[in-house]
Amino acid sequence: MTTTSVEEYFNHGEGGSTWYRRTRSLHSRAGALPVVVLHGGPGMAHNYLRRLEDLAKGGREVILYDQIGCGRSSHHPDAPSVAWTVDVFVDELDALIRHWDLADGFHLLGQSWGGMFGPEYILAHPEAPIASLTLLNSPASMPAWAAGTRRLLEKLPAHVQETIARHEADGTFQDPRYQEAVGLFYAQYLCRVDPMPLDVEESFAQLDADPSVYSAMIGPSEFTITGTLADWTIADRLEAITLPTLVGYGEHDEATDSWLPFAENIAGARVHRFDGASHTPHLERPEEFDSVVGNFLSEHDAN
């Protein structure tokens, strides 16, 4: 039996059109606030987070969207790399929140890169009626992320490390042997579900079709960070965030311990480790994920 309704729209702005999807429970619960979901990447479309729509079964609305430059939103592959900054996505989110008319309040949930610019949005817009913040598998510092992925890389077999090092030195990132080696890293530290879920494959396919945002902001790979985010950190600004906050990470997460400043510098932040999971616990530990995140959202819904 269908328990939710789904509607898809575009919001048209100066930077292009942003596609979004609103999933509503047919049995809404009094006081349950919408949750706005920020996907990762940057430049990796929402598909791999589609399972989060299950949160609507608890009686709330779930809003997913493709950030500008990926998925079904406007693409700008010819934009100069320096044009892709955190502010672009903060401004896009602000326009969407005003468009959605969420004045009665909402929860903000960011996964990976989404948990990086989500706090940036909060600092830029302290007036926003946000009831809670959920940060999943997100670094508070890009240099810390890069150091962590390098440590994880050293745990892989020597021939895998050699393959990645050789092709990164040569700049041959599209070589099938390099892609295969990176795939082994992902199987350990990005998603440990085998075979890789279709939703994840779809997001990767869209990233492969247009890697311009990822390349501009990250660089050629998870290990070689040369883009506009290379020096990004929010660790020294987190004390200004006073929202109820949940920080989640996987035991084998490629984010390693780069999330720690969120837990240490946001007063009262709650931390949850998903044992056995990596960077996508919503897929690797779905029941535990729904319980932990769903209960946290309900705890901070409107009275």
C-alpha atoms as a PDB file:
ATOM      1  CA  MET A   1       0.000   0.000   0.000  1.00  0.00           C
ATOM      2  CA  THR A   2       1.306   3.446  -0.939  1.00  0.00           C
ATOM      3  CA  THR A   3       2.011   5.552   2.142  1.00  0.00           C
ATOM      4  CA  THR A   4       3.643   8.580   0.484  1.00  0.00           C
ATOM      5  CA  SER A   5       3.074  10.989  -2.371  1.00  0.00           C
ATOM      6  CA  VAL A   6       5.901  12.330  -4.539  1.00  0.00           C
ATOM      7  CA  GLU A   7       6.046  15.551  -6.519  1.00  0.00           C
ATOM      8  CA  GLU A   8       8.914  16.834  -8.680  1.00  0.00           C
ATOM      9  CA  TYR A   9       9.533  20.450  -9.689  1.00  0.00           C
ATOM     10  CA  PHE A  10      12.137  22.953 -10.861  1.00  0.00           C
ATOM     11  CA  ASN A  11      13.048  26.238  -9.227  1.00  0.00           C
ATOM     12  CA  HIS A  12      14.375  28.711 -11.786  1.00  0.00           C
ATOM     13  CA  GLY A  13      16.919  31.258 -10.625  1.00  0.00           C
ATOM     14  CA  GLU A  14      19.738  33.442 -11.879  1.00  0.00           C
ATOM     15  CA  GLY A  15      22.221  30.551 -11.742  1.00  0.00           C
ATOM     16  CA  GLY A  16      19.960  28.173 -13.646  1.00  0.00           C
ATOM     17  CA  SER A  17      17.271  25.690 -12.715  1.00  0.00           C
ATOM     18  CA  THR A  18      17.356  23.452  -9.647  1.00  0.00           C
ATOM     19  CA  TRP A  19      15.386  20.208  -9.737  1.00  0.00           C
ATOM     20  CA  TYR A  20      13.808  19.032  -6.494  1.00  0.00           C
ATOM     21  CA  ARG A  21      11.562  16.275  -5.208  1.00  0.00           C
ATOM     22  CA  ARG A  22       9.123  16.459  -2.276  1.00  0.00           C
ATOM     23  CA  THR A  23       7.976  13.226  -0.642  1.00  0.00           C
ATOM     24  CA  ARG A  24       5.065  13.544   1.768  1.00  0.00           C
ATOM     25  CA  SER A  25       3.480  11.007   4.055  1.00  0.00           C
ATOM     26  CA  LEU A  26      -0.201  10.334   3.400  1.00  0.00           C
ATOM     27  CA  HIS A  27      -0.564  10.120   7.165  1.00  0.00           C
ATOM     28  CA  SER A  28       1.184  13.244   8.403  1.00  0.00           C
ATOM     29  CA  ARG A  29       2.026  13.515  12.083  1.00  0.00           C
ATOM     30  CA  ALA A  30       1.167  16.681  13.994  1.00  0.00           C
ATOM     31  CA  GLY A  31       4.273  18.763  14.599  1.00  0.00           C
ATOM     32  CA  ALA A  32       6.496  16.745  12.263  1.00  0.00           C
ATOM     33  CA  LEU A  33       8.729  19.206  10.405  1.00  0.00           C
ATOM     34  CA  PRO A  34      10.112  18.724   6.879  1.00  0.00           C
ATOM     35  CA  VAL A  35      13.693  17.563   6.473  1.00  0.00           C
ATOM     36  CA  VAL A  36      15.808  19.139   3.731  1.00  0.00           C
ATOM     37  CA  VAL A  37      18.508  16.753   2.473  1.00  0.00           C
ATOM     38  CA  LEU A  38      21.847  17.987   1.068  1.00  0.00           C
ATOM     39  CA  HIS A  39      23.670  15.435  -1.060  1.00  0.00           C
ATOM     40  CA  GLY A  40      27.393  14.902  -1.371  1.00  0.00           C
ATOM     41  CA  GLY A  41      29.941  15.171  -4.122  1.00  0.00           C
ATOM     42  CA  PRO A  42      30.154  17.974  -4.830  1.00  0.00           C
ATOM     43  CA  GLY A  43      28.586  17.207  -8.185  1.00  0.00           C
ATOM     44  CA  MET A  44      27.188  13.784  -7.268  1.00  0.00           C
ATOM     45  CA  ALA A  45      23.423  13.772  -7.828  1.00  0.00           C
ATOM     46  CA  HIS A  46      20.857  12.927  -5.155  1.00  0.00           C
ATOM     47  CA  ASN A  47      20.115   9.361  -6.337  1.00  0.00           C
ATOM     48  CA  TYR A  48      22.321   7.574  -3.806  1.00  0.00           C
ATOM     49  CA  LEU A  49      20.336   9.268  -1.003  1.00  0.00           C
ATOM     50  CA  ARG A  50      16.927   8.286  -2.384  1.00  0.00           C
ATOM     51  CA  ARG A  51      16.480   5.824   0.503  1.00  0.00           C
ATOM     52  CA  LEU A  52      16.178   8.758   2.895  1.00  0.00           C
ATOM     53  CA  GLU A  53      12.656   9.217   1.587  1.00  0.00           C
ATOM     54  CA  ASP A  54      11.785   6.361   3.953  1.00  0.00           C
ATOM     55  CA  LEU A  55      11.949   9.007   6.699  1.00  0.00           C
ATOM     56  CA  ALA A  56       8.625  10.268   5.310  1.00  0.00           C
ATOM     57  CA  LYS A  57       6.973   7.110   6.619  1.00  0.00           C
ATOM     58  CA  GLY A  58       7.297   8.619  10.080  1.00  0.00           C
ATOM     59  CA  GLY A  59       4.794  11.293   9.065  1.00  0.00           C
ATOM     60  CA  ARG A  60       7.093  14.043   7.789  1.00  0.00           C
ATOM     61  CA  GLU A  61       8.019  15.546   4.426  1.00  0.00           C
ATOM     62  CA  VAL A  62      11.424  14.783   2.869  1.00  0.00           C
ATOM     63  CA  ILE A  63      12.872  17.226   0.339  1.00  0.00           C
ATOM     64  CA  LEU A  64      15.699  16.118  -1.957  1.00  0.00           C
ATOM     65  CA  TYR A  65      17.262  18.167  -4.736  1.00  0.00           C
ATOM     66  CA  ASP A  66      20.098  18.060  -7.246  1.00  0.00           C
ATOM     67  CA  GLN A  67      22.543  20.865  -6.581  1.00  0.00           C
ATOM     68  CA  ILE A  68      23.329  23.132  -9.497  1.00  0.00           C
ATOM     69  CA  GLY A  69      25.839  21.567 -11.875  1.00  0.00           C
ATOM     70  CA  CYS A  70      24.681  17.957 -11.524  1.00  0.00           C
ATOM     71  CA  GLY A  71      21.820  15.525 -11.977  1.00  0.00           C
ATOM     72  CA  ARG A  72      18.641  17.035 -13.373  1.00  0.00           C
ATOM     73  CA  SER A  73      19.550  20.611 -12.460  1.00  0.00           C
ATOM     74  CA  SER A  74      21.292  23.046 -14.804  1.00  0.00           C
ATOM     75  CA  HIS A  75      24.828  22.130 -15.807  1.00  0.00           C
ATOM     76  CA  HIS A  76      27.611  24.633 -16.467  1.00  0.00           C
ATOM     77  CA  PRO A  77      30.576  22.557 -17.699  1.00  0.00           C
ATOM     78  CA  ASP A  78      32.246  25.588 -19.283  1.00  0.00           C
ATOM     79  CA  ALA A  79      32.251  27.653 -16.079  1.00  0.00           C
ATOM     80  CA  PRO A  80      35.773  28.468 -14.816  1.00  0.00           C
ATOM     81  CA  SER A  81      36.891  26.362 -11.884  1.00  0.00           C
ATOM     82  CA  VAL A  82      37.160  29.396  -9.612  1.00  0.00           C
ATOM     83  CA  ALA A  83      33.426  30.016 -10.086  1.00  0.00           C
ATOM     84  CA  TRP A  84      32.556  26.900  -8.079  1.00  0.00           C
ATOM     85  CA  THR A  85      32.690  28.001  -4.459  1.00  0.00           C
ATOM     86  CA  VAL A  86      30.815  27.196  -1.255  1.00  0.00           C
ATOM     87  CA  ASP A  87      28.856  30.437  -1.626  1.00  0.00           C
ATOM     88  CA  VAL A  88      27.260  29.178  -4.858  1.00  0.00           C
ATOM     89  CA  PHE A  89      25.586  26.331  -2.980  1.00  0.00           C
ATOM     90  CA  VAL A  90      24.752  28.366   0.118  1.00  0.00           C
ATOM     91  CA  ASP A  91      22.960  30.897  -2.119  1.00  0.00           C
ATOM     92  CA  GLU A  92      21.168  28.144  -4.018  1.00  0.00           C
ATOM     93  CA  LEU A  93      19.957  26.567  -0.774  1.00  0.00           C
ATOM     94  CA  ASP A  94      18.753  29.929   0.523  1.00  0.00           C
ATOM     95  CA  ALA A  95      16.757  30.515  -2.655  1.00  0.00           C
ATOM     96  CA  LEU A  96      15.202  27.057  -2.376  1.00  0.00           C
ATOM     97  CA  ILE A  97      14.242  27.454   1.279  1.00  0.00           C
ATOM     98  CA  ARG A  98      12.527  30.746   0.502  1.00  0.00           C
ATOM     99  CA  HIS A  99      10.839  29.134  -2.512  1.00  0.00           C
ATOM    100  CA  TRP A 100       9.594  26.224  -0.388  1.00  0.00           C
ATOM    101  CA  ASP A 101       8.156  28.600   2.241  1.00  0.00           C
ATOM    102  CA  LEU A 102       9.502  26.723   5.266  1.00  0.00           C
ATOM    103  CA  ALA A 103       8.851  29.561   7.695  1.00  0.00           C
ATOM    104  CA  ASP A 104       7.287  27.157  10.221  1.00  0.00           C
ATOM    105  CA  GLY A 105      10.611  25.358  10.582  1.00  0.00           C
ATOM    106  CA  PHE A 106      12.552  22.454   9.111  1.00  0.00           C
ATOM    107  CA  HIS A 107      15.385  20.055   9.816  1.00  0.00           C
ATOM    108  CA  LEU A 108      18.619  20.261   7.821  1.00  0.00           C
ATOM    109  CA  LEU A 109      20.445  17.024   6.985  1.00  0.00           C
ATOM    110  CA  GLY A 110      23.736  16.985   5.089  1.00  0.00           C
ATOM    111  CA  GLN A 111      25.669  13.930   3.953  1.00  0.00           C
ATOM    112  CA  SER A 112      29.396  14.150   3.083  1.00  0.00           C
ATOM    113  CA  TRP A 113      29.823  17.433   1.132  1.00  0.00           C
ATOM    114  CA  GLY A 114      26.241  18.292   2.089  1.00  0.00           C
ATOM    115  CA  GLY A 115      27.368  18.319   5.716  1.00  0.00           C
ATOM    116  CA  MET A 116      30.126  20.753   4.801  1.00  0.00           C
ATOM    117  CA  PHE A 117      28.072  23.517   3.226  1.00  0.00           C
ATOM    118  CA  GLY A 118      25.023  22.922   5.451  1.00  0.00           C
ATOM    119  CA  PRO A 119      26.783  24.491   8.469  1.00  0.00           C
ATOM    120  CA  GLU A 120      28.045  27.249   6.161  1.00  0.00           C
ATOM    121  CA  TYR A 121      24.423  28.015   5.352  1.00  0.00           C
ATOM    122  CA  ILE A 122      23.551  28.179   9.056  1.00  0.00           C
ATOM    123  CA  LEU A 123      26.390  30.620   9.768  1.00  0.00           C
ATOM    124  CA  ALA A 124      25.394  32.788   6.801  1.00  0.00           C
ATOM    125  CA  HIS A 125      21.684  32.701   7.676  1.00  0.00           C
ATOM    126  CA  PRO A 126      21.256  32.520  11.456  1.00  0.00           C
ATOM    127  CA  GLU A 127      17.662  33.718  10.999  1.00  0.00           C
ATOM    128  CA  ALA A 128      16.647  30.498   9.222  1.00  0.00           C
ATOM    129  CA  PRO A 129      14.027  28.528  11.228  1.00  0.00           C
ATOM    130  CA  ILE A 130      16.096  25.352  11.484  1.00  0.00           C
ATOM    131  CA  ALA A 131      15.009  22.944  14.223  1.00  0.00           C
ATOM    132  CA  SER A 132      18.000  20.588  14.068  1.00  0.00           C
ATOM    133  CA  LEU A 133      21.147  19.770  12.136  1.00  0.00           C
ATOM    134  CA  THR A 134      22.222  16.256  11.107  1.00  0.00           C
ATOM    135  CA  LEU A 135      25.757  15.814   9.737  1.00  0.00           C
ATOM    136  CA  LEU A 136      26.530  12.425   8.235  1.00  0.00           C
ATOM    137  CA  ASN A 137      29.971  11.259   7.085  1.00  0.00           C
ATOM    138  CA  SER A 138      31.098  14.874   6.719  1.00  0.00           C
ATOM    139  CA  PRO A 139      34.520  16.442   7.240  1.00  0.00           C
ATOM    140  CA  ALA A 140      34.904  19.728   9.077  1.00  0.00           C
ATOM    141  CA  SER A 141      38.231  20.248   7.307  1.00  0.00           C
ATOM    142  CA  MET A 142      39.292  19.285   3.799  1.00  0.00           C
ATOM    143  CA  PRO A 143      42.994  18.956   4.705  1.00  0.00           C
ATOM    144  CA  ALA A 144      41.933  16.527   7.472  1.00  0.00           C
ATOM    145  CA  TRP A 145      39.845  14.580   4.946  1.00  0.00           C
ATOM    146  CA  ALA A 146      42.795  14.337   2.539  1.00  0.00           C
ATOM    147  CA  ALA A 147      45.131  13.154   5.294  1.00  0.00           C
ATOM    148  CA  GLY A 148      42.584  10.543   6.317  1.00  0.00           C
ATOM    149  CA  THR A 149      42.031   9.115   2.845  1.00  0.00           C
ATOM    150  CA  ARG A 150      45.785   8.815   2.438  1.00  0.00           C
ATOM    151  CA  ARG A 151      45.965   6.794   5.657  1.00  0.00           C
ATOM    152  CA  LEU A 152      43.202   4.507   4.398  1.00  0.00           C
ATOM    153  CA  LEU A 153      44.948   4.129   1.061  1.00  0.00           C
ATOM    154  CA  GLU A 154      47.997   2.765   2.885  1.00  0.00           C
ATOM    155  CA  LYS A 155      45.842  -0.104   4.189  1.00  0.00           C
ATOM    156  CA  LEU A 156      45.157  -1.405   0.684  1.00  0.00           C
ATOM    157  CA  PRO A 157      47.398  -4.023  -0.966  1.00  0.00           C
ATOM    158  CA  ALA A 158      50.726  -2.670  -2.208  1.00  0.00           C
ATOM    159  CA  HIS A 159      49.894  -3.230  -5.881  1.00  0.00           C
ATOM    160  CA  VAL A 160      46.701  -1.186  -5.519  1.00  0.00           C
ATOM    161  CA  GLN A 161      48.610   1.660  -3.884  1.00  0.00           C
ATOM    162  CA  GLU A 162      51.232   1.513  -6.632  1.00  0.00           C
ATOM    163  CA  THR A 163      48.596   1.603  -9.370  1.00  0.00           C
ATOM    164  CA  ILE A 164      46.884   4.648  -7.871  1.00  0.00           C
ATOM    165  CA  ALA A 165      50.184   6.451  -7.246  1.00  0.00           C
ATOM    166  CA  ARG A 166      51.463   5.789 -10.777  1.00  0.00           C
ATOM    167  CA  HIS A 167      48.334   6.981 -12.558  1.00  0.00           C
ATOM    168  CA  GLU A 168      47.950  10.033 -10.323  1.00  0.00           C
ATOM    169  CA  ALA A 169      51.554  10.992 -11.065  1.00  0.00           C
ATOM    170  CA  ASP A 170      50.913  10.552 -14.805  1.00  0.00           C
ATOM    171  CA  GLY A 171      47.498  12.211 -14.697  1.00  0.00           C
ATOM    172  CA  THR A 172      45.881   9.167 -16.346  1.00  0.00           C
ATOM    173  CA  PHE A 173      42.761   9.191 -14.191  1.00  0.00           C
ATOM    174  CA  GLN A 174      40.535   7.611 -16.846  1.00  0.00           C
ATOM    175  CA  ASP A 175      42.745   4.552 -17.279  1.00  0.00           C
ATOM    176  CA  PRO A 176      40.676   1.404 -16.524  1.00  0.00           C
ATOM    177  CA  ARG A 177      43.384   0.104 -14.175  1.00  0.00           C
ATOM    178  CA  TYR A 178      43.218   3.303 -12.146  1.00  0.00           C
ATOM    179  CA  GLN A 179      39.431   3.166 -12.061  1.00  0.00           C
ATOM    180  CA  GLU A 180      39.552  -0.455 -10.920  1.00  0.00           C
ATOM    181  CA  ALA A 181      41.989   0.390  -8.114  1.00  0.00           C
ATOM    182  CA  VAL A 182      39.839   3.297  -6.934  1.00  0.00           C
ATOM    183  CA  GLY A 183      36.849   0.946  -7.048  1.00  0.00           C
ATOM    184  CA  LEU A 184      38.602  -1.291  -4.518  1.00  0.00           C
ATOM    185  CA  PHE A 185      38.997   1.722  -2.220  1.00  0.00           C
ATOM    186  CA  TYR A 186      35.311   2.588  -2.611  1.00  0.00           C
ATOM    187  CA  ALA A 187      34.282  -0.997  -1.830  1.00  0.00           C
ATOM    188  CA  GLN A 188      36.007  -0.705   1.543  1.00  0.00           C
ATOM    189  CA  TYR A 189      35.440   2.898   2.544  1.00  0.00           C
ATOM    190  CA  LEU A 190      32.526   4.336   0.538  1.00  0.00           C
ATOM    191  CA  CYS A 191      29.894   1.588   0.340  1.00  0.00           C
ATOM    192  CA  ARG A 192      30.426  -1.949   1.594  1.00  0.00           C
ATOM    193  CA  VAL A 193      27.221  -3.309   0.044  1.00  0.00           C
ATOM    194  CA  ASP A 194      28.100  -5.856  -2.651  1.00  0.00           C
ATOM    195  CA  PRO A 195      27.060  -5.438  -5.386  1.00  0.00           C
ATOM    196  CA  MET A 196      26.983  -1.655  -5.247  1.00  0.00           C
ATOM    197  CA  PRO A 197      23.352  -0.477  -4.989  1.00  0.00           C
ATOM    198  CA  LEU A 198      21.766   0.853  -8.175  1.00  0.00           C
ATOM    199  CA  ASP A 199      21.142   4.260  -6.584  1.00  0.00           C
ATOM    200  CA  VAL A 200      24.886   4.641  -5.961  1.00  0.00           C
ATOM    201  CA  GLU A 201      25.724   3.465  -9.477  1.00  0.00           C
ATOM    202  CA  GLU A 202      23.321   6.055 -10.896  1.00  0.00           C
ATOM    203  CA  SER A 203      24.988   8.866  -8.972  1.00  0.00           C
ATOM    204  CA  PHE A 204      28.425   7.730 -10.137  1.00  0.00           C
ATOM    205  CA  ALA A 205      27.189   7.507 -13.737  1.00  0.00           C
ATOM    206  CA  GLN A 206      25.969  11.110 -13.586  1.00  0.00           C
ATOM    207  CA  LEU A 207      29.247  12.206 -12.033  1.00  0.00           C
ATOM    208  CA  ASP A 208      31.175  10.446 -14.819  1.00  0.00           C
ATOM    209  CA  ALA A 209      28.993  12.144 -17.440  1.00  0.00           C
ATOM    210  CA  ASP A 210      29.781  15.605 -16.058  1.00  0.00           C
ATOM    211  CA  PRO A 211      32.621  15.759 -13.523  1.00  0.00           C
ATOM    212  CA  SER A 212      33.121  19.516 -13.898  1.00  0.00           C
ATOM    213  CA  VAL A 213      31.895  20.524 -10.419  1.00  0.00           C
ATOM    214  CA  TYR A 214      33.758  17.709  -8.667  1.00  0.00           C
ATOM    215  CA  SER A 215      36.943  18.397 -10.619  1.00  0.00           C
ATOM    216  CA  ALA A 216      36.763  22.115  -9.895  1.00  0.00           C
ATOM    217  CA  MET A 217      36.102  21.800  -6.180  1.00  0.00           C
ATOM    218  CA  ILE A 218      37.855  18.551  -5.224  1.00  0.00           C
ATOM    219  CA  GLY A 219      40.272  17.721  -8.017  1.00  0.00           C
ATOM    220  CA  PRO A 220      41.061  14.494  -9.835  1.00  0.00           C
ATOM    221  CA  SER A 221      40.336  12.097  -6.962  1.00  0.00           C
ATOM    222  CA  GLU A 222      39.488  11.585  -3.283  1.00  0.00           C
ATOM    223  CA  PHE A 223      43.230  11.406  -2.566  1.00  0.00           C
ATOM    224  CA  THR A 224      44.519  14.361  -4.556  1.00  0.00           C
ATOM    225  CA  ILE A 225      42.666  17.496  -3.454  1.00  0.00           C
ATOM    226  CA  THR A 226      43.605  20.399  -5.725  1.00  0.00           C
ATOM    227  CA  GLY A 227      40.268  22.196  -6.197  1.00  0.00           C
ATOM    228  CA  THR A 228      38.664  25.232  -4.624  1.00  0.00           C
ATOM    229  CA  LEU A 229      37.924  23.239  -1.453  1.00  0.00           C
ATOM    230  CA  ALA A 230      41.552  22.176  -0.898  1.00  0.00           C
ATOM    231  CA  ASP A 231      42.061  24.491   2.084  1.00  0.00           C
ATOM    232  CA  TRP A 232      38.450  24.665   3.266  1.00  0.00           C
ATOM    233  CA  THR A 233      37.705  24.318   6.966  1.00  0.00           C
ATOM    234  CA  ILE A 234      34.859  25.302   9.241  1.00  0.00           C
ATOM    235  CA  ALA A 235      36.404  23.850  12.401  1.00  0.00           C
ATOM    236  CA  ASP A 236      37.286  27.237  13.894  1.00  0.00           C
ATOM    237  CA  ARG A 237      33.781  28.691  13.341  1.00  0.00           C
ATOM    238  CA  LEU A 238      31.571  25.954  14.758  1.00  0.00           C
ATOM    239  CA  GLU A 239      31.077  27.415  18.221  1.00  0.00           C
ATOM    240  CA  ALA A 240      28.612  29.858  16.657  1.00  0.00           C
ATOM    241  CA  ILE A 241      26.264  26.956  15.851  1.00  0.00           C
ATOM    242  CA  THR A 242      23.873  26.300  18.727  1.00  0.00           C
ATOM    243  CA  LEU A 243      21.342  24.003  17.062  1.00  0.00           C
ATOM    244  CA  PRO A 244      20.658  20.468  18.313  1.00  0.00           C
ATOM    245  CA  THR A 245      23.127  18.475  16.227  1.00  0.00           C
ATOM    246  CA  LEU A 246      23.594  14.800  15.380  1.00  0.00           C
ATOM    247  CA  VAL A 247      26.958  13.718  13.977  1.00  0.00           C
ATOM    248  CA  GLY A 248      27.017  10.287  12.345  1.00  0.00           C
ATOM    249  CA  TYR A 249      29.880   8.323  10.818  1.00  0.00           C
ATOM    250  CA  GLY A 250      30.751   4.807   9.748  1.00  0.00           C
ATOM    251  CA  GLU A 251      33.301   2.533  11.387  1.00  0.00           C
ATOM    252  CA  HIS A 252      35.127   2.273   8.038  1.00  0.00           C
ATOM    253  CA  ASP A 253      34.219   5.737   6.782  1.00  0.00           C
ATOM    254  CA  GLU A 254      36.456   7.419   4.215  1.00  0.00           C
ATOM    255  CA  ALA A 255      35.830  10.585   6.237  1.00  0.00           C
ATOM    256  CA  THR A 256      37.962   8.905   8.983  1.00  0.00           C
ATOM    257  CA  ASP A 257      38.063  11.277  11.984  1.00  0.00           C
ATOM    258  CA  SER A 258      37.719  14.520  10.024  1.00  0.00           C
ATOM    259  CA  TRP A 259      34.222  14.917  11.549  1.00  0.00           C
ATOM    260  CA  LEU A 260      35.621  15.337  15.074  1.00  0.00           C
ATOM    261  CA  PRO A 261      35.476  19.163  15.194  1.00  0.00           C
ATOM    262  CA  PHE A 262      31.709  18.991  14.687  1.00  0.00           C
ATOM    263  CA  ALA A 263      31.415  16.850  17.809  1.00  0.00           C
ATOM    264  CA  GLU A 264      33.921  18.855  19.827  1.00  0.00           C
ATOM    265  CA  ASN A 265      32.983  22.421  18.867  1.00  0.00           C
ATOM    266  CA  ILE A 266      29.185  22.345  18.559  1.00  0.00           C
ATOM    267  CA  ALA A 267      27.856  22.461  22.100  1.00  0.00           C
ATOM    268  CA  GLY A 268      25.796  19.398  23.002  1.00  0.00           C
ATOM    269  CA  ALA A 269      26.412  17.605  19.701  1.00  0.00           C
ATOM    270  CA  ARG A 270      25.381  13.958  19.769  1.00  0.00           C
ATOM    271  CA  VAL A 271      27.626  11.390  18.046  1.00  0.00           C
ATOM    272  CA  HIS A 272      26.677   7.996  16.625  1.00  0.00           C
ATOM    273  CA  ARG A 273      28.985   5.423  15.049  1.00  0.00           C
ATOM    274  CA  PHE A 274      27.482   2.936  12.602  1.00  0.00           C
ATOM    275  CA  ASP A 275      29.485  -0.210  13.244  1.00  0.00           C
ATOM    276  CA  GLY A 276      30.429  -2.167  10.135  1.00  0.00           C
ATOM    277  CA  ALA A 277      29.431   0.690   7.830  1.00  0.00           C
ATOM    278  CA  SER A 278      31.570   3.027   5.769  1.00  0.00           C
ATOM    279  CA  HIS A 279      30.531   6.272   4.039  1.00  0.00           C
ATOM    280  CA  THR A 280      26.900   5.321   3.319  1.00  0.00           C
ATOM    281  CA  PRO A 281      25.338   3.908   6.501  1.00  0.00           C
ATOM    282  CA  HIS A 282      21.854   4.704   5.200  1.00  0.00           C
ATOM    283  CA  LEU A 283      22.448   1.852   2.728  1.00  0.00           C
ATOM    284  CA  GLU A 284      24.722  -0.355   4.811  1.00  0.00           C
ATOM    285  CA  ARG A 285      22.774  -0.200   8.103  1.00  0.00           C
ATOM    286  CA  PRO A 286      19.306   0.980   6.979  1.00  0.00           C
ATOM    287  CA  GLU A 287      17.257  -0.085   9.998  1.00  0.00           C
ATOM    288  CA  GLU A 288      19.734   1.371  12.486  1.00  0.00           C
ATOM    289  CA  PHE A 289      19.994   4.519  10.380  1.00  0.00           C
ATOM    290  CA  ASP A 290      16.227   5.055  10.250  1.00  0.00           C
ATOM    291  CA  SER A 291      15.955   4.531  13.986  1.00  0.00           C
ATOM    292  CA  VAL A 292      18.825   6.840  14.975  1.00  0.00           C
ATOM    293  CA  VAL A 293      18.075   9.641  12.525  1.00  0.00           C
ATOM    294  CA  GLY A 294      14.291   9.304  12.692  1.00  0.00           C
ATOM    295  CA  ASN A 295      14.259   9.447  16.487  1.00  0.00           C
ATOM    296  CA  PHE A 296      16.583  12.462  16.516  1.00  0.00           C
ATOM    297  CA  LEU A 297      14.341  14.362  14.105  1.00  0.00           C
ATOM    298  CA  SER A 298      11.220  13.488  16.092  1.00  0.00           C
ATOM    299  CA  GLU A 299      12.883  14.614  19.311  1.00  0.00           C
ATOM    300  CA  HIS A 300      13.396  18.080  17.819  1.00  0.00           C
ATOM    301  CA  ASP A 301      10.137  18.504  15.930  1.00  0.00           C
ATOM    302  CA  ALA A 302       7.801  21.383  16.650  1.00  0.00           C
ATOM    303  CA  ASN A 303       5.882  21.197  19.919  1.00  0.00           C
END
